[in-house]
Amino acid sequence: MSAHCMLTGAQPGFGNRISHSHRRTSRRFDPNVQSKRYWLPGEGRRVRLRLSARGIRTVDAIGVEAAVARIRARGIRV
């Protein structure tokens, strides 16, 4: 799934578009997922993470080492 945050697990939500005539058709609410590279000092390499905007703020708050540990705990290979 491409619109998926590796850290927070945010994924698309689903709902309805409602037209002026009030016809309903299905739509997707995608999270704001962006690809970002971080330097991982413990391994001496860069890692590319697909994170939502909230995930990027979380990495800024807890640090990249702790964030990668959480991602690996979820079973995602980094």
N, C-alpha and C. Protein backbone atom coordinates (compact mmCIF):
# COMPACT_ATOMS: atom_id res chain seq x y z
N MET A 1 0.86 -1.18 0.00
CA MET A 1 0.00 0.00 0.00
C MET A 1 0.90 1.23 0.00
N SER A 2 0.74 2.09 -0.99
CA SER A 2 1.65 3.22 -1.13
C SER A 2 1.32 4.36 -0.17
N ALA A 3 0.05 4.62 0.08
CA ALA A 3 -0.32 5.72 0.97
C ALA A 3 -0.40 5.20 2.39
N HIS A 4 0.79 4.83 2.94
CA HIS A 4 0.84 4.18 4.24
C HIS A 4 2.06 4.70 4.99
N CYS A 5 1.90 5.14 6.23
CA CYS A 5 3.00 5.66 7.03
C CYS A 5 3.69 4.50 7.76
N MET A 6 5.01 4.42 7.63
CA MET A 6 5.76 3.34 8.26
C MET A 6 5.75 3.45 9.79
N LEU A 7 5.69 4.66 10.33
CA LEU A 7 5.80 4.87 11.77
C LEU A 7 4.44 4.83 12.47
N THR A 8 3.50 5.62 11.99
CA THR A 8 2.21 5.72 12.68
C THR A 8 1.19 4.72 12.17
N GLY A 9 1.42 4.15 11.01
CA GLY A 9 0.46 3.21 10.45
C GLY A 9 -0.74 3.88 9.79
N ALA A 10 -0.66 5.19 9.58
CA ALA A 10 -1.77 5.90 8.94
C ALA A 10 -1.98 5.36 7.53
N GLN A 11 -3.23 5.11 7.19
CA GLN A 11 -3.56 4.60 5.87
C GLN A 11 -4.82 5.29 5.38
N PRO A 12 -5.19 5.09 4.12
CA PRO A 12 -6.34 5.82 3.58
C PRO A 12 -7.63 5.51 4.33
N GLY A 13 -8.44 6.56 4.47
CA GLY A 13 -9.79 6.40 4.98
C GLY A 13 -10.75 6.48 3.79
N PHE A 14 -11.95 5.99 3.96
CA PHE A 14 -12.90 5.97 2.86
C PHE A 14 -14.17 6.67 3.25
N GLY A 15 -14.82 7.27 2.27
CA GLY A 15 -16.05 7.99 2.52
C GLY A 15 -16.79 8.20 1.21
N ASN A 16 -17.63 9.21 1.19
CA ASN A 16 -18.43 9.49 0.01
C ASN A 16 -18.22 10.91 -0.47
N ARG A 17 -18.15 11.07 -1.81
CA ARG A 17 -18.29 12.40 -2.41
C ARG A 17 -19.79 12.64 -2.52
N ILE A 18 -20.21 13.83 -2.21
CA ILE A 18 -21.63 14.14 -2.34
C ILE A 18 -21.76 15.31 -3.30
N SER A 19 -22.40 15.08 -4.41
CA SER A 19 -22.53 16.11 -5.44
C SER A 19 -23.64 17.10 -5.07
N HIS A 20 -23.78 18.09 -5.92
CA HIS A 20 -24.82 19.10 -5.69
C HIS A 20 -26.20 18.46 -5.69
N SER A 21 -26.40 17.45 -6.52
CA SER A 21 -27.69 16.76 -6.56
C SER A 21 -27.82 15.70 -5.46
N HIS A 22 -26.81 15.62 -4.63
CA HIS A 22 -26.76 14.73 -3.47
C HIS A 22 -26.57 13.27 -3.83
N ARG A 23 -26.02 13.00 -5.01
CA ARG A 23 -25.62 11.64 -5.37
C ARG A 23 -24.33 11.31 -4.62
N ARG A 24 -24.23 10.10 -4.16
CA ARG A 24 -23.03 9.68 -3.42
C ARG A 24 -22.19 8.74 -4.26
N THR A 25 -20.89 9.04 -4.34
CA THR A 25 -19.93 8.14 -4.96
C THR A 25 -18.76 8.00 -4.00
N SER A 26 -18.08 6.87 -4.05
CA SER A 26 -17.04 6.62 -3.06
C SER A 26 -15.78 7.41 -3.37
N ARG A 27 -15.01 7.73 -2.34
CA ARG A 27 -13.75 8.46 -2.47
C ARG A 27 -12.79 7.98 -1.40
N ARG A 28 -11.53 8.40 -1.53
CA ARG A 28 -10.48 8.04 -0.59
C ARG A 28 -9.91 9.29 0.05
N PHE A 29 -9.64 9.22 1.34
CA PHE A 29 -8.93 10.28 2.05
C PHE A 29 -7.52 9.77 2.31
N ASP A 30 -6.54 10.18 1.50
CA ASP A 30 -5.17 9.70 1.65
C ASP A 30 -4.43 10.53 2.69
N PRO A 31 -3.59 9.87 3.51
CA PRO A 31 -2.75 10.63 4.45
C PRO A 31 -1.64 11.35 3.69
N ASN A 32 -1.08 12.37 4.29
CA ASN A 32 -0.03 13.18 3.67
C ASN A 32 1.31 12.44 3.83
N VAL A 33 1.53 11.42 2.98
CA VAL A 33 2.72 10.57 3.09
C VAL A 33 3.82 11.11 2.19
N GLN A 34 5.02 11.24 2.77
CA GLN A 34 6.17 11.77 2.02
C GLN A 34 7.38 10.89 2.29
N SER A 35 8.24 10.80 1.30
CA SER A 35 9.47 10.03 1.44
C SER A 35 10.56 10.95 1.96
N LYS A 36 11.26 10.51 3.02
CA LYS A 36 12.26 11.36 3.65
C LYS A 36 13.46 10.51 4.03
N ARG A 37 14.67 11.06 3.81
CA ARG A 37 15.89 10.35 4.16
C ARG A 37 16.44 10.88 5.47
N TYR A 38 16.87 9.96 6.33
CA TYR A 38 17.47 10.31 7.62
C TYR A 38 18.80 9.61 7.75
N TRP A 39 19.74 10.26 8.43
CA TRP A 39 21.02 9.64 8.75
C TRP A 39 20.84 8.82 10.04
N LEU A 40 21.19 7.55 9.97
CA LEU A 40 21.08 6.65 11.11
C LEU A 40 22.48 6.43 11.68
N PRO A 41 22.88 7.18 12.72
CA PRO A 41 24.26 7.13 13.20
C PRO A 41 24.67 5.77 13.74
N GLY A 42 23.75 5.02 14.33
CA GLY A 42 24.08 3.72 14.89
C GLY A 42 24.53 2.72 13.85
N GLU A 43 24.03 2.87 12.61
CA GLU A 43 24.39 1.94 11.54
C GLU A 43 25.31 2.59 10.51
N GLY A 44 25.54 3.89 10.63
CA GLY A 44 26.44 4.59 9.71
C GLY A 44 25.92 4.64 8.29
N ARG A 45 24.62 4.77 8.13
CA ARG A 45 24.03 4.83 6.78
C ARG A 45 22.76 5.67 6.81
N ARG A 46 22.29 5.99 5.60
CA ARG A 46 21.03 6.72 5.47
C ARG A 46 19.90 5.72 5.30
N VAL A 47 18.72 6.07 5.81
CA VAL A 47 17.53 5.27 5.60
C VAL A 47 16.46 6.14 4.97
N ARG A 48 15.70 5.56 4.07
CA ARG A 48 14.60 6.27 3.42
C ARG A 48 13.30 5.77 4.04
N LEU A 49 12.55 6.69 4.65
CA LEU A 49 11.31 6.34 5.31
C LEU A 49 10.14 7.01 4.61
N ARG A 50 9.02 6.29 4.48
CA ARG A 50 7.79 6.88 3.96
C ARG A 50 6.92 7.23 5.17
N LEU A 51 6.86 8.53 5.47
CA LEU A 51 6.20 8.99 6.69
C LEU A 51 5.09 9.98 6.37
N SER A 52 4.07 9.98 7.21
CA SER A 52 3.05 11.02 7.14
C SER A 52 3.61 12.27 7.80
N ALA A 53 2.92 13.38 7.65
CA ALA A 53 3.37 14.63 8.27
C ALA A 53 3.45 14.47 9.78
N ARG A 54 2.51 13.77 10.37
CA ARG A 54 2.53 13.51 11.82
C ARG A 54 3.72 12.61 12.16
N GLY A 55 4.05 11.65 11.31
CA GLY A 55 5.20 10.79 11.53
C GLY A 55 6.51 11.56 11.51
N ILE A 56 6.61 12.55 10.61
CA ILE A 56 7.82 13.38 10.54
C ILE A 56 7.97 14.18 11.83
N ARG A 57 6.87 14.72 12.35
CA ARG A 57 6.93 15.45 13.62
C ARG A 57 7.31 14.51 14.77
N THR A 58 6.85 13.27 14.72
CA THR A 58 7.20 12.30 15.75
C THR A 58 8.69 12.00 15.73
N VAL A 59 9.26 11.83 14.53
CA VAL A 59 10.70 11.58 14.41
C VAL A 59 11.48 12.77 14.96
N ASP A 60 11.01 13.99 14.68
CA ASP A 60 11.68 15.18 15.21
C ASP A 60 11.65 15.20 16.75
N ALA A 61 10.58 14.67 17.33
CA ALA A 61 10.43 14.71 18.79
C ALA A 61 11.23 13.60 19.48
N ILE A 62 11.17 12.37 18.96
CA ILE A 62 11.79 11.25 19.66
C ILE A 62 13.15 10.86 19.13
N GLY A 63 13.50 11.33 17.95
CA GLY A 63 14.79 10.99 17.36
C GLY A 63 14.67 9.85 16.37
N VAL A 64 15.60 9.80 15.43
CA VAL A 64 15.51 8.82 14.35
C VAL A 64 15.81 7.41 14.84
N GLU A 65 16.70 7.25 15.82
CA GLU A 65 17.03 5.91 16.33
C GLU A 65 15.80 5.26 16.97
N ALA A 66 15.09 6.02 17.82
CA ALA A 66 13.89 5.50 18.48
C ALA A 66 12.78 5.24 17.47
N ALA A 67 12.67 6.10 16.46
CA ALA A 67 11.63 5.93 15.45
C ALA A 67 11.88 4.66 14.63
N VAL A 68 13.14 4.42 14.25
CA VAL A 68 13.46 3.21 13.49
C VAL A 68 13.23 1.97 14.35
N ALA A 69 13.50 2.06 15.66
CA ALA A 69 13.23 0.94 16.56
C ALA A 69 11.74 0.64 16.60
N ARG A 70 10.90 1.68 16.64
CA ARG A 70 9.44 1.48 16.64
C ARG A 70 8.98 0.86 15.33
N ILE A 71 9.56 1.32 14.20
CA ILE A 71 9.17 0.80 12.90
C ILE A 71 9.53 -0.69 12.81
N ARG A 72 10.72 -1.04 13.28
CA ARG A 72 11.14 -2.45 13.26
C ARG A 72 10.29 -3.29 14.20
N ALA A 73 9.84 -2.72 15.32
CA ALA A 73 8.97 -3.44 16.25
C ALA A 73 7.62 -3.75 15.60
N ARG A 74 7.20 -2.93 14.65
CA ARG A 74 5.95 -3.18 13.92
C ARG A 74 6.15 -4.26 12.85
N GLY A 75 7.41 -4.70 12.65
CA GLY A 75 7.68 -5.76 11.67
C GLY A 75 7.99 -5.26 10.29
N ILE A 76 8.30 -3.98 10.14
CA ILE A 76 8.63 -3.39 8.83
C ILE A 76 10.14 -3.36 8.69
N ARG A 77 10.65 -3.81 7.56
CA ARG A 77 12.09 -3.84 7.31
C ARG A 77 12.55 -2.45 6.88
N VAL A 78 13.63 -1.97 7.51
CA VAL A 78 14.18 -0.66 7.18
C VAL A 78 15.58 -0.84 6.63
